[in-house]
Structure formats: C-alpha cells, structure tokens
C-alpha cells in the first residue's frame, strides 16, 4: 500500500491482536469440549493462556507507556526480527515434514485452505465498509480476514494444546493459505475493492 501511496488507518496493528486473541480462545474452547460446558473453567483456561496474556500485556504496556517505550524499542525490535526468523524457519520445517500427511486429509484441507480465505476476505471487506475505513484500510481488513495466523496462534496453541496435530494446521496455513493469498487472493481482493470504490 505504501509503495502505491495508498493511505490506510495507522491503528491497524491493533486489529491483528484483536483478531489473534479470540482465535486462540476459540481454538482452546473447541479443542477441549468439556470446557464448553463449564464457563468458569473455560474462562480460566483462556485468560491464563500464555499467548493471550502476552498479547493483552503488550497492549496494556503500549497503551500506558506509549512513546516512553522508545528508549527500549531498539532492543526488542532488533531481537524480534531475529527470533521471528528462527521461529518461521522452524514452522517451515514442521510444515515441510507434514506435507505427506495431506494425502490422508488432502482434499478437505486443500479446499478449506482456499475457500475459507475467500469467505474471510468477503467478511473483512464488508466489515471495512461498515466501519467506514479508507480504501487502504478496507484492503487491509480484507487481507486480515483472508489470512491464517502464521505466528501468534501456532506458538500459543503449541503451548495450550501440546497433544494436538500442529503440523497439519501449520502445513495448511503455510503451504496452502499463504501461497494462495499471495499469488491469487490479494490481487483479487485489490481488484474487488477498486471495483467497489468506483
């Protein structure tokens, strides 16, 4: 968007956290169906999840300290990129090692990895219009709706649900949804928003 000089709302990173935290909560609740019948246990499990605590804590710290965090930002920003690169390398290795598992569940995972982004992008586009966002903001909302979580949710769910098949979900998001969005989805979403804006 910046390379095309398209304006968008500056607060969009907040939406990433606001979308990731409920995704973790829903994932934990769906994976442990006993929690669905016990709201107190479900709330405890969700709100003590490391992923949700870290994201909520980051939001609170950013809100309270704002610009005062600038003095320590270089340490965390520089470390973040290095740790993120190692984490994504590990995720790629896990996804690559589980590609053969797609033979068993391939058609469903392939279909879900392609059609769910289209549904999510449509919902994101509609929400962007309802929120009266700029065309760039609508585009970002569309892409957020179409995307899988590639960082926060996999890390949080690995801790929260150690016995789940994380390889299959990571393979689905990295080997199907991500390439689909980059190659096909984003150009389609851009064209749709340009058409709707005219």
C-alpha atoms as a PDB file:
ATOM      1  CA  UNK A   1       0.000   0.000   0.000  1.00  0.00           C
ATOM      2  CA  UNK A   2       2.803   2.406   0.880  1.00  0.00           C
ATOM      3  CA  UNK A   3       4.608   1.685  -2.402  1.00  0.00           C
ATOM      4  CA  UNK A   4       1.388   2.635  -4.237  1.00  0.00           C
ATOM      5  CA  UNK A   5       0.806   5.694  -1.992  1.00  0.00           C
ATOM      6  CA  UNK A   6      -2.477   4.271  -0.700  1.00  0.00           C
ATOM      7  CA  UNK A   7      -3.485   5.646   2.697  1.00  0.00           C
ATOM      8  CA  UNK A   8      -4.702   3.398   5.495  1.00  0.00           C
ATOM      9  CA  UNK A   9      -5.524   3.762   9.177  1.00  0.00           C
ATOM     10  CA  UNK A  10      -2.463   3.902  11.451  1.00  0.00           C
ATOM     11  CA  UNK A  11      -4.086   1.743  14.136  1.00  0.00           C
ATOM     12  CA  UNK A  12      -4.244  -1.434  12.023  1.00  0.00           C
ATOM     13  CA  UNK A  13      -1.624  -3.346  14.055  1.00  0.00           C
ATOM     14  CA  UNK A  14      -4.178  -3.226  16.890  1.00  0.00           C
ATOM     15  CA  UNK A  15      -6.598  -5.252  14.749  1.00  0.00           C
ATOM     16  CA  UNK A  16      -4.033  -8.037  14.457  1.00  0.00           C
ATOM     17  CA  UNK A  17      -4.035  -8.503  18.234  1.00  0.00           C
ATOM     18  CA  UNK A  18      -7.807  -8.094  18.437  1.00  0.00           C
ATOM     19  CA  UNK A  19      -8.212 -10.915  15.894  1.00  0.00           C
ATOM     20  CA  UNK A  20      -5.485 -13.222  17.227  1.00  0.00           C
ATOM     21  CA  UNK A  21      -6.671 -13.323  20.856  1.00  0.00           C
ATOM     22  CA  UNK A  22     -10.232 -14.507  20.074  1.00  0.00           C
ATOM     23  CA  UNK A  23      -8.814 -17.066  17.634  1.00  0.00           C
ATOM     24  CA  UNK A  24      -6.692 -18.560  20.414  1.00  0.00           C
ATOM     25  CA  UNK A  25      -9.654 -18.522  22.811  1.00  0.00           C
ATOM     26  CA  UNK A  26     -11.981 -20.227  20.319  1.00  0.00           C
ATOM     27  CA  UNK A  27      -9.313 -22.790  19.431  1.00  0.00           C
ATOM     28  CA  UNK A  28      -8.771 -23.726  23.073  1.00  0.00           C
ATOM     29  CA  UNK A  29     -12.525 -23.960  23.711  1.00  0.00           C
ATOM     30  CA  UNK A  30     -13.204 -26.088  20.617  1.00  0.00           C
ATOM     31  CA  UNK A  31     -10.291 -28.416  21.297  1.00  0.00           C
ATOM     32  CA  UNK A  32     -11.454 -29.091  24.843  1.00  0.00           C
ATOM     33  CA  UNK A  33     -15.206 -29.628  24.530  1.00  0.00           C
ATOM     34  CA  UNK A  34     -15.522 -30.193  28.284  1.00  0.00           C
ATOM     35  CA  UNK A  35     -14.673 -26.506  28.698  1.00  0.00           C
ATOM     36  CA  UNK A  36     -17.734 -25.535  26.663  1.00  0.00           C
ATOM     37  CA  UNK A  37     -19.954 -26.873  29.455  1.00  0.00           C
ATOM     38  CA  UNK A  38     -18.015 -25.166  32.249  1.00  0.00           C
ATOM     39  CA  UNK A  39     -17.732 -21.433  31.605  1.00  0.00           C
ATOM     40  CA  UNK A  40     -15.601 -20.778  34.686  1.00  0.00           C
ATOM     41  CA  UNK A  41     -13.030 -23.393  33.673  1.00  0.00           C
ATOM     42  CA  UNK A  42     -13.143 -22.148  30.076  1.00  0.00           C
ATOM     43  CA  UNK A  43     -12.531 -18.539  31.128  1.00  0.00           C
ATOM     44  CA  UNK A  44      -9.642 -19.633  33.360  1.00  0.00           C
ATOM     45  CA  UNK A  45      -8.070 -21.735  30.588  1.00  0.00           C
ATOM     46  CA  UNK A  46      -8.425 -18.976  28.016  1.00  0.00           C
ATOM     47  CA  UNK A  47      -7.313 -15.998  30.098  1.00  0.00           C
ATOM     48  CA  UNK A  48      -4.318 -17.817  31.574  1.00  0.00           C
ATOM     49  CA  UNK A  49      -3.110 -18.917  28.135  1.00  0.00           C
ATOM     50  CA  UNK A  50       0.425 -17.617  27.569  1.00  0.00           C
ATOM     51  CA  UNK A  51      -0.426 -16.275  24.116  1.00  0.00           C
ATOM     52  CA  UNK A  52      -3.398 -14.241  25.293  1.00  0.00           C
ATOM     53  CA  UNK A  53      -1.538 -12.977  28.369  1.00  0.00           C
ATOM     54  CA  UNK A  54       1.400 -11.813  26.248  1.00  0.00           C
ATOM     55  CA  UNK A  55      -0.785 -10.078  23.672  1.00  0.00           C
ATOM     56  CA  UNK A  56      -3.017  -8.436  26.272  1.00  0.00           C
ATOM     57  CA  UNK A  57       0.046  -7.442  28.300  1.00  0.00           C
ATOM     58  CA  UNK A  58       1.660  -5.907  25.227  1.00  0.00           C
ATOM     59  CA  UNK A  59      -1.479  -3.892  24.506  1.00  0.00           C
ATOM     60  CA  UNK A  60      -1.689  -2.614  28.087  1.00  0.00           C
ATOM     61  CA  UNK A  61       2.014  -1.710  28.222  1.00  0.00           C
ATOM     62  CA  UNK A  62       1.801   0.061  24.859  1.00  0.00           C
ATOM     63  CA  UNK A  63      -1.318   1.959  25.934  1.00  0.00           C
ATOM     64  CA  UNK A  64       0.110   3.049  29.301  1.00  0.00           C
ATOM     65  CA  UNK A  65       3.660   3.870  28.262  1.00  0.00           C
ATOM     66  CA  UNK A  66       3.164   4.807  24.600  1.00  0.00           C
ATOM     67  CA  UNK A  67       6.111   6.854  23.370  1.00  0.00           C
ATOM     68  CA  UNK A  68       8.048   6.238  26.599  1.00  0.00           C
ATOM     69  CA  UNK A  69       8.933   2.748  25.331  1.00  0.00           C
ATOM     70  CA  UNK A  70      11.083   4.303  22.577  1.00  0.00           C
ATOM     71  CA  UNK A  71      14.250   4.005  24.681  1.00  0.00           C
ATOM     72  CA  UNK A  72      13.975   0.201  24.881  1.00  0.00           C
ATOM     73  CA  UNK A  73      12.387  -0.312  21.445  1.00  0.00           C
ATOM     74  CA  UNK A  74      15.693  -0.959  19.592  1.00  0.00           C
ATOM     75  CA  UNK A  75      16.468  -3.913  21.861  1.00  0.00           C
ATOM     76  CA  UNK A  76      13.093  -5.559  21.370  1.00  0.00           C
ATOM     77  CA  UNK A  77      12.650  -4.659  17.696  1.00  0.00           C
ATOM     78  CA  UNK A  78      16.082  -5.966  16.714  1.00  0.00           C
ATOM     79  CA  UNK A  79      15.641  -9.132  18.777  1.00  0.00           C
ATOM     80  CA  UNK A  80      12.130  -9.617  17.413  1.00  0.00           C
ATOM     81  CA  UNK A  81      13.263  -9.900  13.804  1.00  0.00           C
ATOM     82  CA  UNK A  82      15.987 -12.425  14.611  1.00  0.00           C
ATOM     83  CA  UNK A  83      13.755 -14.579  16.810  1.00  0.00           C
ATOM     84  CA  UNK A  84      10.942 -14.319  14.257  1.00  0.00           C
ATOM     85  CA  UNK A  85      13.253 -15.566  11.503  1.00  0.00           C
ATOM     86  CA  UNK A  86      14.222 -18.605  13.603  1.00  0.00           C
ATOM     87  CA  UNK A  87      10.592 -19.264  14.536  1.00  0.00           C
ATOM     88  CA  UNK A  88       9.444 -19.088  10.913  1.00  0.00           C
ATOM     89  CA  UNK A  89      12.292 -21.391   9.894  1.00  0.00           C
ATOM     90  CA  UNK A  90      11.066 -23.919  12.458  1.00  0.00           C
ATOM     91  CA  UNK A  91       7.462 -23.517  11.248  1.00  0.00           C
ATOM     92  CA  UNK A  92       8.607 -24.100   7.669  1.00  0.00           C
ATOM     93  CA  UNK A  93      10.450 -27.262   8.690  1.00  0.00           C
ATOM     94  CA  UNK A  94       7.361 -28.549  10.524  1.00  0.00           C
ATOM     95  CA  UNK A  95       5.145 -27.728   7.544  1.00  0.00           C
ATOM     96  CA  UNK A  96       7.552 -29.425   5.136  1.00  0.00           C
ATOM     97  CA  UNK A  97       7.743 -32.566   7.255  1.00  0.00           C
ATOM     98  CA  UNK A  98       3.938 -32.881   7.363  1.00  0.00           C
ATOM     99  CA  UNK A  99       3.166 -32.313   3.684  1.00  0.00           C
ATOM    100  CA  UNK A 100       2.905 -36.081   3.192  1.00  0.00           C
ATOM    101  CA  UNK A 101       0.039 -36.109   5.735  1.00  0.00           C
ATOM    102  CA  UNK A 102      -2.024 -34.110   3.249  1.00  0.00           C
ATOM    103  CA  UNK A 103      -2.574 -37.349   1.315  1.00  0.00           C
ATOM    104  CA  UNK A 104      -4.936 -38.525   4.053  1.00  0.00           C
ATOM    105  CA  UNK A 105      -6.857 -35.286   4.579  1.00  0.00           C
ATOM    106  CA  UNK A 106      -5.724 -33.528   1.421  1.00  0.00           C
ATOM    107  CA  UNK A 107      -8.985 -32.657  -0.312  1.00  0.00           C
ATOM    108  CA  UNK A 108     -10.647 -31.197   2.780  1.00  0.00           C
ATOM    109  CA  UNK A 109      -7.544 -29.262   3.909  1.00  0.00           C
ATOM    110  CA  UNK A 110      -6.876 -28.014   0.368  1.00  0.00           C
ATOM    111  CA  UNK A 111     -10.491 -26.891  -0.079  1.00  0.00           C
ATOM    112  CA  UNK A 112     -10.609 -25.256   3.356  1.00  0.00           C
ATOM    113  CA  UNK A 113      -7.247 -23.531   2.809  1.00  0.00           C
ATOM    114  CA  UNK A 114      -8.553 -21.946  -0.396  1.00  0.00           C
ATOM    115  CA  UNK A 115     -12.244 -21.261   0.234  1.00  0.00           C
ATOM    116  CA  UNK A 116     -12.000 -20.036   3.831  1.00  0.00           C
ATOM    117  CA  UNK A 117      -9.733 -17.109   2.834  1.00  0.00           C
ATOM    118  CA  UNK A 118     -12.311 -16.086   0.221  1.00  0.00           C
ATOM    119  CA  UNK A 119     -15.072 -16.164   2.840  1.00  0.00           C
ATOM    120  CA  UNK A 120     -12.886 -14.315   5.369  1.00  0.00           C
ATOM    121  CA  UNK A 121     -11.893 -11.689   2.787  1.00  0.00           C
ATOM    122  CA  UNK A 122     -15.542 -11.085   1.916  1.00  0.00           C
ATOM    123  CA  UNK A 123     -16.372 -10.637   5.605  1.00  0.00           C
ATOM    124  CA  UNK A 124     -13.370  -8.362   6.100  1.00  0.00           C
ATOM    125  CA  UNK A 125     -14.334  -6.227   3.113  1.00  0.00           C
ATOM    126  CA  UNK A 126     -17.902  -5.877   4.374  1.00  0.00           C
ATOM    127  CA  UNK A 127     -16.694  -5.012   7.883  1.00  0.00           C
ATOM    128  CA  UNK A 128     -14.289  -2.424   6.458  1.00  0.00           C
ATOM    129  CA  UNK A 129     -17.151  -0.731   4.620  1.00  0.00           C
ATOM    130  CA  UNK A 130     -19.375  -0.838   7.701  1.00  0.00           C
ATOM    131  CA  UNK A 131     -16.573   0.770   9.751  1.00  0.00           C
ATOM    132  CA  UNK A 132     -16.194   3.426   7.022  1.00  0.00           C
ATOM    133  CA  UNK A 133     -12.478   2.728   6.572  1.00  0.00           C
ATOM    134  CA  UNK A 134     -10.342   4.194   3.797  1.00  0.00           C
ATOM    135  CA  UNK A 135      -9.844   2.017   0.677  1.00  0.00           C
ATOM    136  CA  UNK A 136      -6.417   1.049   2.058  1.00  0.00           C
ATOM    137  CA  UNK A 137      -7.998   0.155   5.397  1.00  0.00           C
ATOM    138  CA  UNK A 138     -10.660  -1.933   3.674  1.00  0.00           C
ATOM    139  CA  UNK A 139      -7.903  -3.715   1.761  1.00  0.00           C
ATOM    140  CA  UNK A 140      -6.031  -4.478   4.989  1.00  0.00           C
ATOM    141  CA  UNK A 141      -9.219  -5.663   6.692  1.00  0.00           C
ATOM    142  CA  UNK A 142      -9.878  -7.906   3.704  1.00  0.00           C
ATOM    143  CA  UNK A 143      -6.378  -9.407   3.867  1.00  0.00           C
ATOM    144  CA  UNK A 144      -6.632  -9.886   7.642  1.00  0.00           C
ATOM    145  CA  UNK A 145      -9.935 -11.694   7.167  1.00  0.00           C
ATOM    146  CA  UNK A 146      -8.401 -13.918   4.496  1.00  0.00           C
ATOM    147  CA  UNK A 147      -5.231 -14.761   6.392  1.00  0.00           C
ATOM    148  CA  UNK A 148      -4.401 -17.614   8.679  1.00  0.00           C
ATOM    149  CA  UNK A 149      -2.302 -16.914  11.747  1.00  0.00           C
ATOM    150  CA  UNK A 150       1.316 -17.689  10.909  1.00  0.00           C
ATOM    151  CA  UNK A 151       2.999 -16.615  14.161  1.00  0.00           C
ATOM    152  CA  UNK A 152       0.965 -15.927  17.316  1.00  0.00           C
ATOM    153  CA  UNK A 153      -1.679 -18.652  17.168  1.00  0.00           C
ATOM    154  CA  UNK A 154       0.681 -21.525  16.224  1.00  0.00           C
ATOM    155  CA  UNK A 155       3.021 -20.548  19.057  1.00  0.00           C
ATOM    156  CA  UNK A 156       0.182 -20.167  21.575  1.00  0.00           C
ATOM    157  CA  UNK A 157      -1.635 -23.348  20.556  1.00  0.00           C
ATOM    158  CA  UNK A 158       1.556 -25.407  20.756  1.00  0.00           C
ATOM    159  CA  UNK A 159       1.736 -24.451  24.429  1.00  0.00           C
ATOM    160  CA  UNK A 160      -2.001 -24.625  25.160  1.00  0.00           C
ATOM    161  CA  UNK A 161      -2.686 -27.901  23.291  1.00  0.00           C
ATOM    162  CA  UNK A 162       0.538 -29.928  23.275  1.00  0.00           C
ATOM    163  CA  UNK A 163      -1.169 -33.137  22.068  1.00  0.00           C
ATOM    164  CA  UNK A 164      -2.831 -31.596  19.001  1.00  0.00           C
ATOM    165  CA  UNK A 165      -1.569 -32.177  15.445  1.00  0.00           C
ATOM    166  CA  UNK A 166       0.062 -28.783  14.993  1.00  0.00           C
ATOM    167  CA  UNK A 167       1.928 -29.904  11.909  1.00  0.00           C
ATOM    168  CA  UNK A 168      -1.274 -30.284   9.913  1.00  0.00           C
ATOM    169  CA  UNK A 169      -2.578 -26.816  10.791  1.00  0.00           C
ATOM    170  CA  UNK A 170       0.804 -25.213  10.129  1.00  0.00           C
ATOM    171  CA  UNK A 171       1.083 -27.047   6.808  1.00  0.00           C
ATOM    172  CA  UNK A 172      -2.404 -25.893   5.857  1.00  0.00           C
ATOM    173  CA  UNK A 173      -1.675 -22.253   6.663  1.00  0.00           C
ATOM    174  CA  UNK A 174       1.876 -22.074   5.256  1.00  0.00           C
ATOM    175  CA  UNK A 175       1.646 -24.458   2.289  1.00  0.00           C
ATOM    176  CA  UNK A 176      -1.898 -23.679   1.108  1.00  0.00           C
ATOM    177  CA  UNK A 177      -3.449 -20.477   2.501  1.00  0.00           C
ATOM    178  CA  UNK A 178      -0.336 -18.264   2.436  1.00  0.00           C
ATOM    179  CA  UNK A 179       0.680 -19.054  -1.181  1.00  0.00           C
ATOM    180  CA  UNK A 180      -2.943 -18.819  -2.318  1.00  0.00           C
ATOM    181  CA  UNK A 181      -3.326 -15.373  -0.757  1.00  0.00           C
ATOM    182  CA  UNK A 182      -0.023 -14.077  -2.144  1.00  0.00           C
ATOM    183  CA  UNK A 183      -0.458 -15.419  -5.687  1.00  0.00           C
ATOM    184  CA  UNK A 184      -4.226 -15.273  -6.216  1.00  0.00           C
ATOM    185  CA  UNK A 185      -6.061 -13.822  -3.232  1.00  0.00           C
ATOM    186  CA  UNK A 186      -4.511 -10.394  -2.673  1.00  0.00           C
ATOM    187  CA  UNK A 187      -4.708  -9.370  -6.370  1.00  0.00           C
ATOM    188  CA  UNK A 188      -8.360 -10.480  -6.386  1.00  0.00           C
ATOM    189  CA  UNK A 189      -9.113  -8.567  -3.170  1.00  0.00           C
ATOM    190  CA  UNK A 190      -7.414  -5.428  -4.550  1.00  0.00           C
ATOM    191  CA  UNK A 191      -9.404  -5.647  -7.795  1.00  0.00           C
ATOM    192  CA  UNK A 192     -12.641  -6.164  -5.870  1.00  0.00           C
ATOM    193  CA  UNK A 193     -12.031  -3.143  -3.635  1.00  0.00           C
ATOM    194  CA  UNK A 194     -11.018  -0.985  -6.618  1.00  0.00           C
ATOM    195  CA  UNK A 195     -14.221  -2.042  -8.393  1.00  0.00           C
ATOM    196  CA  UNK A 196     -16.351  -1.327  -5.332  1.00  0.00           C
ATOM    197  CA  UNK A 197     -14.658   2.070  -4.858  1.00  0.00           C
ATOM    198  CA  UNK A 198     -15.541   3.279  -8.366  1.00  0.00           C
END
